[in-house]
Amino acid sequence: MLQILSELRKNKNWSQAETAELLGIAKSTYAGYESGYREPSLRALIQIADLFDVSVDVILSRKNKTTKVEIGSIPKMDNLVLTVDGKPLTKEEIANIVAFTTVRRQLDKEEIAK
């Protein structure tokens, strides 16, 4: 987390003092986050993520983690938004993608079996 915070801040060309001011915290508090002396609360993590326009996972260096969603759980995806070209997919479009992928995989298996 230490290096990520520093990189995000430097990419914005902000000083620690400017970043702390934008977060509404003391410079020493923010400096403590970057040095590892302090750990931000959950609320502070969310504020930092919002400020840098990244997910909390990025700040926690979890950017390579993935979430698996099984086909049977598609109706439970109310909080998940999938987009193509910046436009959200409808549940019907998602179901079509799943159906296409299922058929495509079956065709691939049949081709390999030949």
Protein backbone atom coordinates (compact mmCIF):
# COMPACT_ATOMS: atom_id res chain seq x y z
CA MET A 1 0.00 0.00 0.00
CA LEU A 2 2.85 2.37 0.80
CA GLN A 3 4.28 2.48 -2.71
CA ILE A 4 0.84 2.62 -4.33
CA LEU A 5 -0.20 5.70 -2.34
CA SER A 6 3.03 7.46 -3.18
CA GLU A 7 2.74 6.61 -6.88
CA LEU A 8 -0.89 7.70 -7.09
CA ARG A 9 -0.09 11.00 -5.40
CA LYS A 10 2.98 11.66 -7.54
CA ASN A 11 1.03 10.87 -10.71
CA LYS A 12 -1.27 13.76 -9.77
CA ASN A 13 1.75 15.97 -9.02
CA TRP A 14 0.42 16.57 -5.51
CA SER A 15 2.48 17.04 -2.38
CA GLN A 16 1.63 15.11 0.75
CA ALA A 17 0.26 18.35 2.20
CA GLU A 18 -2.02 18.94 -0.82
CA THR A 19 -3.26 15.35 -0.71
CA ALA A 20 -3.95 15.58 3.03
CA GLU A 21 -5.85 18.81 2.52
CA LEU A 22 -8.02 17.24 -0.19
CA LEU A 23 -8.76 14.36 2.18
CA GLY A 24 -9.46 16.71 5.08
CA ILE A 25 -6.78 15.18 7.30
CA ALA A 26 -3.50 16.34 8.80
CA LYS A 27 -0.38 16.11 6.65
CA SER A 28 1.26 13.99 9.33
CA THR A 29 -1.62 11.51 9.14
CA TYR A 30 -1.31 11.14 5.39
CA ALA A 31 2.47 10.96 5.58
CA GLY A 32 2.00 8.16 8.11
CA TYR A 33 -0.09 6.23 5.58
CA GLU A 34 2.64 6.51 2.96
CA SER A 35 5.43 5.59 5.39
CA GLY A 36 3.55 2.69 6.94
CA TYR A 37 3.56 4.28 10.38
CA ARG A 38 -0.24 4.53 10.28
CA GLU A 39 -2.93 2.42 8.66
CA PRO A 40 -5.97 4.19 7.25
CA SER A 41 -9.41 3.25 8.54
CA LEU A 42 -11.92 1.72 6.15
CA ARG A 43 -13.56 5.13 5.76
CA ALA A 44 -10.18 6.72 5.00
CA LEU A 45 -9.38 3.98 2.44
CA ILE A 46 -12.63 4.69 0.66
CA GLN A 47 -11.94 8.44 0.66
CA ILE A 48 -8.43 7.88 -0.69
CA ALA A 49 -9.73 5.52 -3.40
CA ASP A 50 -12.37 8.08 -4.39
CA LEU A 51 -9.81 10.88 -4.47
CA PHE A 52 -7.50 8.95 -6.81
CA ASP A 53 -10.42 7.42 -8.76
CA VAL A 54 -9.28 3.84 -8.15
CA SER A 55 -10.77 0.91 -6.28
CA VAL A 56 -9.83 0.10 -2.71
CA ASP A 57 -8.40 -3.16 -4.12
CA VAL A 58 -5.82 -1.14 -6.07
CA ILE A 59 -4.74 0.70 -2.93
CA LEU A 60 -4.49 -2.60 -1.06
CA SER A 61 -2.47 -4.07 -3.97
CA ARG A 62 -5.23 -6.54 -4.77
CA LYS A 63 -5.54 -5.46 -8.39
CA ASN A 64 -4.72 -8.94 -9.71
CA LYS A 65 -7.50 -10.64 -7.76
CA THR A 66 -10.54 -11.76 -9.69
CA THR A 67 -14.06 -12.60 -8.67
CA LYS A 68 -15.68 -15.68 -10.13
CA VAL A 69 -19.37 -15.50 -10.91
CA GLU A 70 -21.05 -18.81 -11.69
CA ILE A 71 -23.77 -18.96 -14.32
CA GLY A 72 -26.32 -19.97 -11.69
CA SER A 73 -25.76 -16.70 -9.84
CA ILE A 74 -26.62 -14.38 -12.74
CA PRO A 75 -30.02 -13.43 -11.25
CA LYS A 76 -28.20 -12.35 -8.09
CA MET A 77 -25.97 -9.85 -9.94
CA ASP A 78 -28.07 -6.80 -9.12
CA ASN A 79 -25.03 -4.89 -7.81
CA LEU A 80 -22.75 -5.91 -10.69
CA VAL A 81 -22.54 -3.70 -13.75
CA LEU A 82 -20.87 -5.05 -16.88
CA THR A 83 -20.26 -2.59 -19.68
CA VAL A 84 -19.30 -2.69 -23.34
CA ASP A 85 -18.15 0.55 -24.92
CA GLY A 86 -19.11 2.32 -21.71
CA LYS A 87 -22.75 1.21 -21.89
CA PRO A 88 -24.17 -1.16 -19.26
CA LEU A 89 -25.28 -4.58 -20.48
CA THR A 90 -28.81 -5.71 -19.76
CA LYS A 91 -29.48 -9.04 -18.05
CA GLU A 92 -30.64 -10.36 -21.42
CA GLU A 93 -27.36 -9.32 -23.08
CA ILE A 94 -25.38 -10.98 -20.30
CA ALA A 95 -27.43 -14.16 -20.70
CA ASN A 96 -26.72 -14.06 -24.46
CA ILE A 97 -23.00 -13.77 -23.81
CA VAL A 98 -23.13 -16.72 -21.42
CA ALA A 99 -25.13 -18.77 -23.95
CA PHE A 100 -22.68 -17.90 -26.74
CA THR A 101 -19.71 -18.84 -24.59
CA THR A 102 -21.33 -22.13 -23.57
CA VAL A 103 -22.00 -23.09 -27.20
CA ARG A 104 -18.55 -21.94 -28.31
CA ARG A 105 -16.85 -24.04 -25.65
CA GLN A 106 -18.87 -27.08 -26.68
CA LEU A 107 -17.89 -26.57 -30.32
CA ASP A 108 -14.25 -26.23 -29.28
CA LYS A 109 -14.45 -29.51 -27.35
CA GLU A 110 -15.99 -31.26 -30.35
CA GLU A 111 -13.29 -29.87 -32.64
CA ILE A 112 -10.52 -31.08 -30.30
CA ALA A 113 -12.14 -34.53 -30.10
CA LYS A 114 -11.95 -34.97 -33.92
